[in-house]
Amino acid sequence: MERIKNDLRQGAFRDREGRETAVLVNTAESPLTWLFHRRDAHGARLIDETELAAGERLRRDFEAAAQAPRLTMRWDTEPRGEGRHFGLLAAPESALAARDRVHAALTAVGDDLAQILLKVCCLDSGLEAAERALGWPKRSGKLVLKIALGRLAAHYGLSRR
């Protein structure tokens, strides 16, 4: 119970109109927020605010695109022959736009860096699990993720890199 209390922090959520609402955030829930709240041996954050914002933006688009693997079958859609993708299930235009944004962002960072972004930002896999899945050496994930988040932030226009 003490660990849960330590992981809860005050945060702020800003909606599209710019209104800010106070929220309680569980920093252990997302690997990115966990990294943001941890510091290295010199006291610097493992990832900075722009890298966190870029990763969270990618995650939001990924979820809006409904690209996450499903554990159960969906019974709420019917096959249609109309829409943007012929012969496939028609998806809302917002989901298709989000899918295009995810594709553009992952293309901008490159295939080799897109893998770690997908694992950590979109699928909420921890760094150690992502390193194992990708066949990387231990402790290499932090550095590669930081580089990938930097390129992602540049793609979104959040930094000048």
N, C-alpha and C. Protein backbone atom coordinates (compact mmCIF):
# COMPACT_ATOMS: atom_id res chain seq x y z
N MET A 1 0.82 -1.20 0.00
CA MET A 1 0.00 0.00 0.00
C MET A 1 0.86 1.26 0.00
N GLU A 2 2.00 1.21 0.69
CA GLU A 2 2.89 2.36 0.74
C GLU A 2 3.45 2.67 -0.64
N ARG A 3 3.74 1.62 -1.42
CA ARG A 3 4.28 1.82 -2.77
C ARG A 3 3.26 2.53 -3.66
N ILE A 4 1.98 2.18 -3.53
CA ILE A 4 0.94 2.82 -4.33
C ILE A 4 0.85 4.30 -3.98
N LYS A 5 0.93 4.64 -2.70
CA LYS A 5 0.88 6.04 -2.29
C LYS A 5 2.04 6.82 -2.88
N ASN A 6 3.22 6.21 -2.95
CA ASN A 6 4.39 6.88 -3.49
C ASN A 6 4.27 7.11 -4.99
N ASP A 7 3.51 6.27 -5.69
CA ASP A 7 3.38 6.40 -7.14
C ASP A 7 2.30 7.38 -7.57
N LEU A 8 1.45 7.82 -6.63
CA LEU A 8 0.39 8.76 -6.96
C LEU A 8 0.91 10.19 -6.83
N ARG A 9 0.72 10.99 -7.87
CA ARG A 9 1.19 12.38 -7.86
C ARG A 9 0.10 13.27 -8.43
N GLN A 10 0.11 14.54 -7.99
CA GLN A 10 -0.81 15.53 -8.55
C GLN A 10 -0.35 15.87 -9.96
N GLY A 11 -1.27 15.93 -10.86
CA GLY A 11 -0.96 16.31 -12.23
C GLY A 11 -2.01 17.27 -12.74
N ALA A 12 -1.87 17.67 -13.98
CA ALA A 12 -2.84 18.57 -14.60
C ALA A 12 -3.18 18.04 -15.97
N PHE A 13 -4.44 18.15 -16.32
CA PHE A 13 -4.91 17.75 -17.64
C PHE A 13 -5.47 18.99 -18.32
N ARG A 14 -5.05 19.23 -19.55
CA ARG A 14 -5.54 20.39 -20.30
C ARG A 14 -6.36 19.86 -21.48
N ASP A 15 -7.63 20.30 -21.57
CA ASP A 15 -8.48 19.85 -22.67
C ASP A 15 -8.25 20.71 -23.91
N ARG A 16 -9.00 20.44 -24.98
CA ARG A 16 -8.78 21.12 -26.26
C ARG A 16 -9.06 22.63 -26.18
N GLU A 17 -9.93 23.03 -25.28
CA GLU A 17 -10.24 24.45 -25.13
C GLU A 17 -9.24 25.18 -24.25
N GLY A 18 -8.28 24.45 -23.67
CA GLY A 18 -7.26 25.07 -22.85
C GLY A 18 -7.59 25.09 -21.37
N ARG A 19 -8.73 24.54 -20.96
CA ARG A 19 -9.08 24.50 -19.54
C ARG A 19 -8.25 23.44 -18.85
N GLU A 20 -7.76 23.77 -17.68
CA GLU A 20 -6.90 22.86 -16.93
C GLU A 20 -7.67 22.27 -15.75
N THR A 21 -7.52 20.97 -15.56
CA THR A 21 -8.17 20.27 -14.47
C THR A 21 -7.12 19.51 -13.68
N ALA A 22 -7.21 19.56 -12.36
CA ALA A 22 -6.27 18.81 -11.52
C ALA A 22 -6.67 17.33 -11.52
N VAL A 23 -5.69 16.46 -11.69
CA VAL A 23 -5.94 15.03 -11.69
C VAL A 23 -4.89 14.33 -10.84
N LEU A 24 -5.21 13.14 -10.38
CA LEU A 24 -4.27 12.31 -9.66
C LEU A 24 -3.71 11.28 -10.64
N VAL A 25 -2.39 11.22 -10.79
CA VAL A 25 -1.75 10.39 -11.80
C VAL A 25 -0.96 9.28 -11.12
N ASN A 26 -1.13 8.06 -11.59
CA ASN A 26 -0.35 6.93 -11.11
C ASN A 26 0.89 6.83 -12.00
N THR A 27 2.05 7.22 -11.47
CA THR A 27 3.26 7.26 -12.28
C THR A 27 3.79 5.88 -12.60
N ALA A 28 3.36 4.86 -11.88
CA ALA A 28 3.82 3.50 -12.17
C ALA A 28 3.02 2.86 -13.29
N GLU A 29 1.94 3.52 -13.72
CA GLU A 29 1.07 2.94 -14.73
C GLU A 29 1.72 2.91 -16.10
N SER A 30 2.41 3.95 -16.47
CA SER A 30 3.04 4.04 -17.78
C SER A 30 4.55 3.98 -17.64
N PRO A 31 5.23 3.22 -18.50
CA PRO A 31 6.69 3.20 -18.44
C PRO A 31 7.30 4.58 -18.67
N LEU A 32 6.64 5.40 -19.49
CA LEU A 32 7.18 6.74 -19.75
C LEU A 32 7.12 7.63 -18.52
N THR A 33 5.98 7.64 -17.82
CA THR A 33 5.90 8.47 -16.62
C THR A 33 6.81 7.94 -15.53
N TRP A 34 7.00 6.63 -15.49
CA TRP A 34 7.94 6.05 -14.53
C TRP A 34 9.34 6.58 -14.80
N LEU A 35 9.76 6.58 -16.07
CA LEU A 35 11.07 7.11 -16.44
C LEU A 35 11.18 8.60 -16.17
N PHE A 36 10.10 9.33 -16.41
CA PHE A 36 10.12 10.78 -16.20
C PHE A 36 10.36 11.13 -14.73
N HIS A 37 9.83 10.33 -13.83
CA HIS A 37 9.95 10.62 -12.40
C HIS A 37 11.20 10.01 -11.76
N ARG A 38 12.01 9.32 -12.54
CA ARG A 38 13.26 8.76 -12.02
C ARG A 38 14.43 9.63 -12.46
N ARG A 39 15.49 9.59 -11.69
CA ARG A 39 16.67 10.42 -11.98
C ARG A 39 17.91 9.54 -12.10
N ASP A 40 18.89 10.02 -12.87
CA ASP A 40 20.14 9.28 -13.02
C ASP A 40 21.08 9.61 -11.86
N ALA A 41 22.31 9.14 -11.94
CA ALA A 41 23.27 9.32 -10.85
C ALA A 41 23.61 10.79 -10.62
N HIS A 42 23.43 11.63 -11.63
CA HIS A 42 23.75 13.05 -11.52
C HIS A 42 22.54 13.89 -11.12
N GLY A 43 21.40 13.26 -10.92
CA GLY A 43 20.19 13.98 -10.52
C GLY A 43 19.33 14.47 -11.66
N ALA A 44 19.71 14.19 -12.90
CA ALA A 44 18.91 14.61 -14.06
C ALA A 44 17.83 13.57 -14.34
N ARG A 45 16.70 14.04 -14.84
CA ARG A 45 15.62 13.11 -15.20
C ARG A 45 16.08 12.19 -16.33
N LEU A 46 15.55 10.96 -16.33
CA LEU A 46 15.92 10.01 -17.38
C LEU A 46 15.36 10.44 -18.73
N ILE A 47 14.15 11.00 -18.74
CA ILE A 47 13.60 11.62 -19.95
C ILE A 47 13.03 12.97 -19.54
N ASP A 48 13.08 13.96 -20.44
CA ASP A 48 12.60 15.29 -20.08
C ASP A 48 11.13 15.47 -20.47
N GLU A 49 10.60 16.66 -20.21
CA GLU A 49 9.18 16.92 -20.43
C GLU A 49 8.78 16.83 -21.90
N THR A 50 9.64 17.28 -22.81
CA THR A 50 9.28 17.21 -24.23
C THR A 50 9.27 15.77 -24.72
N GLU A 51 10.19 14.95 -24.23
CA GLU A 51 10.21 13.54 -24.61
C GLU A 51 8.99 12.82 -24.05
N LEU A 52 8.60 13.14 -22.82
CA LEU A 52 7.39 12.57 -22.24
C LEU A 52 6.17 12.98 -23.04
N ALA A 53 6.08 14.26 -23.39
CA ALA A 53 4.94 14.76 -24.16
C ALA A 53 4.85 14.09 -25.53
N ALA A 54 5.99 13.89 -26.18
CA ALA A 54 6.01 13.23 -27.49
C ALA A 54 5.54 11.78 -27.37
N GLY A 55 6.04 11.07 -26.38
CA GLY A 55 5.64 9.68 -26.18
C GLY A 55 4.17 9.54 -25.84
N GLU A 56 3.65 10.44 -25.00
CA GLU A 56 2.24 10.40 -24.65
C GLU A 56 1.35 10.76 -25.84
N ARG A 57 1.82 11.66 -26.67
CA ARG A 57 1.06 12.01 -27.88
C ARG A 57 0.98 10.82 -28.83
N LEU A 58 2.08 10.10 -28.98
CA LEU A 58 2.07 8.90 -29.82
C LEU A 58 1.12 7.85 -29.24
N ARG A 59 1.16 7.67 -27.92
CA ARG A 59 0.27 6.69 -27.27
C ARG A 59 -1.20 7.06 -27.47
N ARG A 60 -1.54 8.34 -27.32
CA ARG A 60 -2.93 8.78 -27.52
C ARG A 60 -3.39 8.50 -28.95
N ASP A 61 -2.53 8.82 -29.92
CA ASP A 61 -2.89 8.55 -31.32
C ASP A 61 -3.04 7.05 -31.57
N PHE A 62 -2.15 6.25 -30.97
CA PHE A 62 -2.21 4.81 -31.14
C PHE A 62 -3.52 4.26 -30.58
N GLU A 63 -3.90 4.75 -29.41
CA GLU A 63 -5.17 4.29 -28.82
C GLU A 63 -6.37 4.79 -29.62
N ALA A 64 -6.31 6.02 -30.12
CA ALA A 64 -7.41 6.55 -30.94
C ALA A 64 -7.54 5.79 -32.25
N ALA A 65 -6.44 5.26 -32.74
CA ALA A 65 -6.46 4.49 -33.99
C ALA A 65 -6.97 3.08 -33.77
N ALA A 66 -7.15 2.71 -32.51
CA ALA A 66 -7.64 1.37 -32.15
C ALA A 66 -6.76 0.28 -32.76
N GLN A 67 -5.44 0.44 -32.63
CA GLN A 67 -4.50 -0.52 -33.19
C GLN A 67 -3.97 -1.51 -32.17
N ALA A 68 -4.34 -1.36 -30.92
CA ALA A 68 -3.84 -2.26 -29.89
C ALA A 68 -4.43 -3.65 -30.09
N PRO A 69 -3.66 -4.69 -29.79
CA PRO A 69 -4.19 -6.04 -29.93
C PRO A 69 -5.37 -6.26 -28.98
N ARG A 70 -6.36 -6.97 -29.43
CA ARG A 70 -7.55 -7.24 -28.61
C ARG A 70 -7.48 -8.63 -28.02
N LEU A 71 -8.05 -8.75 -26.82
CA LEU A 71 -8.08 -10.05 -26.15
C LEU A 71 -9.38 -10.78 -26.42
N THR A 72 -10.40 -10.06 -26.83
CA THR A 72 -11.70 -10.67 -27.10
C THR A 72 -12.17 -10.28 -28.48
N MET A 73 -13.20 -10.94 -28.94
CA MET A 73 -13.75 -10.64 -30.26
C MET A 73 -14.69 -9.45 -30.17
N ARG A 74 -14.72 -8.65 -31.22
CA ARG A 74 -15.63 -7.51 -31.29
C ARG A 74 -16.90 -7.94 -32.02
N TRP A 75 -18.04 -7.72 -31.39
CA TRP A 75 -19.31 -8.07 -31.98
C TRP A 75 -20.08 -6.83 -32.42
N ASP A 76 -19.50 -5.64 -32.25
CA ASP A 76 -20.24 -4.41 -32.48
C ASP A 76 -20.08 -3.80 -33.88
N THR A 77 -19.34 -4.42 -34.76
CA THR A 77 -19.18 -3.86 -36.10
C THR A 77 -19.64 -4.86 -37.15
N GLU A 78 -20.08 -4.33 -38.27
CA GLU A 78 -20.50 -5.16 -39.38
C GLU A 78 -19.63 -4.88 -40.58
N PRO A 79 -19.33 -5.88 -41.40
CA PRO A 79 -18.55 -5.62 -42.61
C PRO A 79 -19.32 -4.72 -43.56
N ARG A 80 -18.62 -3.76 -44.14
CA ARG A 80 -19.24 -2.84 -45.10
C ARG A 80 -18.32 -2.71 -46.30
N GLY A 81 -18.89 -2.49 -47.46
CA GLY A 81 -18.10 -2.32 -48.67
C GLY A 81 -17.83 -0.88 -49.02
N GLU A 82 -18.24 0.03 -48.16
CA GLU A 82 -18.05 1.45 -48.45
C GLU A 82 -16.97 2.02 -47.54
N GLY A 83 -16.62 3.24 -47.76
CA GLY A 83 -15.63 3.89 -46.90
C GLY A 83 -14.28 3.95 -47.56
N ARG A 84 -13.31 4.29 -46.78
CA ARG A 84 -11.97 4.54 -47.30
C ARG A 84 -11.23 3.26 -47.69
N HIS A 85 -11.42 2.20 -46.93
CA HIS A 85 -10.73 0.94 -47.21
C HIS A 85 -11.76 -0.08 -47.68
N PHE A 86 -11.81 -0.33 -48.95
CA PHE A 86 -12.81 -1.21 -49.52
C PHE A 86 -12.62 -2.64 -49.04
N GLY A 87 -13.73 -3.26 -48.67
CA GLY A 87 -13.69 -4.64 -48.25
C GLY A 87 -13.28 -4.83 -46.80
N LEU A 88 -12.87 -3.80 -46.11
CA LEU A 88 -12.51 -3.90 -44.70
C LEU A 88 -13.63 -3.30 -43.86
N LEU A 89 -13.55 -3.50 -42.57
CA LEU A 89 -14.52 -2.87 -41.69
C LEU A 89 -14.34 -1.37 -41.76
N ALA A 90 -15.42 -0.67 -41.92
CA ALA A 90 -15.35 0.78 -41.98
C ALA A 90 -14.98 1.32 -40.61
N ALA A 91 -14.00 2.16 -40.55
CA ALA A 91 -13.57 2.76 -39.30
C ALA A 91 -13.95 4.23 -39.32
N PRO A 92 -14.17 4.81 -38.15
CA PRO A 92 -14.46 6.24 -38.12
C PRO A 92 -13.29 7.03 -38.70
N GLU A 93 -13.60 8.16 -39.30
CA GLU A 93 -12.56 8.99 -39.91
C GLU A 93 -11.52 9.43 -38.89
N SER A 94 -11.94 9.65 -37.65
CA SER A 94 -10.97 10.07 -36.63
C SER A 94 -9.96 8.95 -36.35
N ALA A 95 -10.42 7.69 -36.36
CA ALA A 95 -9.50 6.57 -36.16
C ALA A 95 -8.54 6.44 -37.34
N LEU A 96 -9.04 6.66 -38.55
CA LEU A 96 -8.17 6.60 -39.72
C LEU A 96 -7.15 7.73 -39.71
N ALA A 97 -7.57 8.90 -39.28
CA ALA A 97 -6.63 10.03 -39.18
C ALA A 97 -5.57 9.75 -38.12
N ALA A 98 -5.99 9.17 -36.99
CA ALA A 98 -5.03 8.82 -35.94
C ALA A 98 -4.06 7.76 -36.43
N ARG A 99 -4.55 6.80 -37.20
CA ARG A 99 -3.69 5.76 -37.77
C ARG A 99 -2.65 6.37 -38.71
N ASP A 100 -3.07 7.35 -39.50
CA ASP A 100 -2.14 8.04 -40.39
C ASP A 100 -1.08 8.81 -39.61
N ARG A 101 -1.49 9.45 -38.49
CA ARG A 101 -0.53 10.18 -37.66
C ARG A 101 0.48 9.24 -37.02
N VAL A 102 0.03 8.07 -36.56
CA VAL A 102 0.94 7.09 -35.97
C VAL A 102 1.93 6.62 -37.03
N HIS A 103 1.43 6.31 -38.20
CA HIS A 103 2.30 5.85 -39.29
C HIS A 103 3.33 6.91 -39.66
N ALA A 104 2.89 8.17 -39.76
CA ALA A 104 3.81 9.26 -40.10
C ALA A 104 4.88 9.44 -39.03
N ALA A 105 4.48 9.35 -37.76
CA ALA A 105 5.44 9.54 -36.66
C ALA A 105 6.47 8.41 -36.64
N LEU A 106 6.02 7.17 -36.81
CA LEU A 106 6.94 6.03 -36.78
C LEU A 106 7.84 6.03 -38.01
N THR A 107 7.33 6.48 -39.14
CA THR A 107 8.15 6.59 -40.33
C THR A 107 9.22 7.67 -40.15
N ALA A 108 8.85 8.76 -39.48
CA ALA A 108 9.80 9.87 -39.28
C ALA A 108 10.97 9.47 -38.39
N VAL A 109 10.74 8.61 -37.39
CA VAL A 109 11.85 8.23 -36.51
C VAL A 109 12.68 7.10 -37.09
N GLY A 110 12.13 6.35 -38.03
CA GLY A 110 12.87 5.25 -38.65
C GLY A 110 12.46 3.91 -38.07
N ASP A 111 12.63 2.87 -38.87
CA ASP A 111 12.18 1.53 -38.48
C ASP A 111 12.87 1.01 -37.23
N ASP A 112 14.17 1.25 -37.11
CA ASP A 112 14.90 0.70 -35.98
C ASP A 112 14.47 1.33 -34.66
N LEU A 113 14.14 2.62 -34.65
CA LEU A 113 13.71 3.29 -33.42
C LEU A 113 12.20 3.14 -33.20
N ALA A 114 11.45 2.88 -34.25
CA ALA A 114 10.01 2.72 -34.12
C ALA A 114 9.65 1.51 -33.26
N GLN A 115 10.49 0.48 -33.29
CA GLN A 115 10.19 -0.73 -32.52
C GLN A 115 10.13 -0.46 -31.03
N ILE A 116 11.10 0.29 -30.50
CA ILE A 116 11.11 0.57 -29.07
C ILE A 116 9.98 1.52 -28.70
N LEU A 117 9.63 2.46 -29.59
CA LEU A 117 8.51 3.35 -29.32
C LEU A 117 7.19 2.58 -29.26
N LEU A 118 7.01 1.65 -30.18
CA LEU A 118 5.79 0.83 -30.15
C LEU A 118 5.70 0.02 -28.87
N LYS A 119 6.79 -0.62 -28.48
CA LYS A 119 6.76 -1.46 -27.29
C LYS A 119 6.50 -0.66 -26.03
N VAL A 120 7.24 0.45 -25.84
CA VAL A 120 7.18 1.17 -24.57
C VAL A 120 6.03 2.18 -24.53
N CYS A 121 5.88 2.99 -25.57
CA CYS A 121 4.86 4.04 -25.56
C CYS A 121 3.47 3.49 -25.84
N CYS A 122 3.34 2.67 -26.85
CA CYS A 122 2.02 2.24 -27.30
C CYS A 122 1.50 0.99 -26.60
N LEU A 123 2.37 0.02 -26.39
CA LEU A 123 1.93 -1.24 -25.80
C LEU A 123 2.23 -1.33 -24.30
N ASP A 124 2.77 -0.24 -23.71
CA ASP A 124 3.07 -0.15 -22.28
C ASP A 124 3.93 -1.30 -21.77
N SER A 125 4.87 -1.71 -22.55
CA SER A 125 5.82 -2.73 -22.14
C SER A 125 6.96 -2.05 -21.39
N GLY A 126 7.44 -2.68 -20.35
CA GLY A 126 8.57 -2.12 -19.61
C GLY A 126 9.84 -2.20 -20.43
N LEU A 127 10.85 -1.46 -20.02
CA LEU A 127 12.11 -1.43 -20.77
C LEU A 127 12.78 -2.81 -20.82
N GLU A 128 12.81 -3.50 -19.70
CA GLU A 128 13.46 -4.82 -19.68
C GLU A 128 12.74 -5.80 -20.60
N ALA A 129 11.41 -5.78 -20.58
CA ALA A 129 10.63 -6.66 -21.45
C ALA A 129 10.84 -6.30 -22.92
N ALA A 130 10.92 -5.00 -23.20
CA ALA A 130 11.15 -4.56 -24.58
C ALA A 130 12.53 -4.98 -25.06
N GLU A 131 13.54 -4.85 -24.20
CA GLU A 131 14.90 -5.28 -24.56
C GLU A 131 14.93 -6.77 -24.87
N ARG A 132 14.26 -7.56 -24.05
CA ARG A 132 14.22 -9.02 -24.29
C ARG A 132 13.51 -9.34 -25.59
N ALA A 133 12.36 -8.70 -25.82
CA ALA A 133 11.57 -8.97 -27.03
C ALA A 133 12.33 -8.58 -28.29
N LEU A 134 13.12 -7.51 -28.21
CA LEU A 134 13.86 -7.04 -29.38
C LEU A 134 15.23 -7.69 -29.51
N GLY A 135 15.63 -8.48 -28.51
CA GLY A 135 16.92 -9.16 -28.55
C GLY A 135 18.09 -8.23 -28.30
N TRP A 136 17.88 -7.17 -27.53
CA TRP A 136 18.92 -6.20 -27.25
C TRP A 136 19.65 -6.54 -25.96
N PRO A 137 20.87 -6.02 -25.80
CA PRO A 137 21.58 -6.21 -24.53
C PRO A 137 20.87 -5.48 -23.39
N LYS A 138 21.08 -5.98 -22.17
CA LYS A 138 20.47 -5.34 -21.00
C LYS A 138 20.97 -3.92 -20.87
N ARG A 139 20.10 -3.07 -20.39
CA ARG A 139 20.37 -1.65 -20.11
C ARG A 139 20.62 -0.80 -21.36
N SER A 140 20.35 -1.33 -22.53
CA SER A 140 20.51 -0.53 -23.75
C SER A 140 19.23 0.21 -24.10
N GLY A 141 18.11 -0.23 -23.55
CA GLY A 141 16.82 0.33 -23.90
C GLY A 141 16.65 1.80 -23.54
N LYS A 142 17.19 2.21 -22.38
CA LYS A 142 17.04 3.60 -21.96
C LYS A 142 17.65 4.57 -22.97
N LEU A 143 18.84 4.26 -23.40
CA LEU A 143 19.54 5.14 -24.34
C LEU A 143 18.82 5.17 -25.69
N VAL A 144 18.45 4.02 -26.20
CA VAL A 144 17.78 3.96 -27.51
C VAL A 144 16.41 4.64 -27.42
N LEU A 145 15.69 4.42 -26.31
CA LEU A 145 14.39 5.06 -26.14
C LEU A 145 14.54 6.58 -26.08
N LYS A 146 15.56 7.06 -25.39
CA LYS A 146 15.79 8.51 -25.30
C LYS A 146 16.06 9.11 -26.68
N ILE A 147 16.85 8.42 -27.49
CA ILE A 147 17.11 8.88 -28.86
C ILE A 147 15.82 8.89 -29.68
N ALA A 148 15.04 7.81 -29.56
CA ALA A 148 13.78 7.69 -30.31
C ALA A 148 12.80 8.78 -29.88
N LEU A 149 12.70 9.05 -28.58
CA LEU A 149 11.79 10.08 -28.10
C LEU A 149 12.25 11.47 -28.55
N GLY A 150 13.55 11.67 -28.63
CA GLY A 150 14.07 12.95 -29.14
C GLY A 150 13.68 13.17 -30.59
N ARG A 151 13.81 12.13 -31.41
CA ARG A 151 13.41 12.26 -32.83
C ARG A 151 11.90 12.43 -32.95
N LEU A 152 11.16 11.75 -32.09
CA LEU A 152 9.70 11.88 -32.11
C LEU A 152 9.29 13.30 -31.72
N ALA A 153 9.95 13.86 -30.71
CA ALA A 153 9.66 15.24 -30.29
C ALA A 153 9.98 16.21 -31.42
N ALA A 154 11.04 15.97 -32.14
CA ALA A 154 11.39 16.81 -33.30
C ALA A 154 10.33 16.69 -34.39
N HIS A 155 9.84 15.49 -34.61
CA HIS A 155 8.79 15.28 -35.62
C HIS A 155 7.52 16.05 -35.25
N TYR A 156 7.17 16.05 -33.98
CA TYR A 156 5.98 16.75 -33.53
C TYR A 156 6.21 18.26 -33.38
N GLY A 157 7.44 18.70 -33.54
CA GLY A 157 7.73 20.12 -33.41
C GLY A 157 7.85 20.57 -31.96
N LEU A 158 8.11 19.64 -31.06
CA LEU A 158 8.23 19.98 -29.64
C LEU A 158 9.64 20.38 -29.26
N SER A 159 10.61 20.03 -30.10
CA SER A 159 12.01 20.39 -29.83
C SER A 159 12.67 20.78 -31.15
N ARG A 160 13.90 21.27 -31.05
CA ARG A 160 14.60 21.76 -32.26
C ARG A 160 15.60 20.76 -32.82
N ARG A 161 15.61 19.53 -32.33
CA ARG A 161 16.59 18.54 -32.79
C ARG A 161 16.40 18.20 -34.23
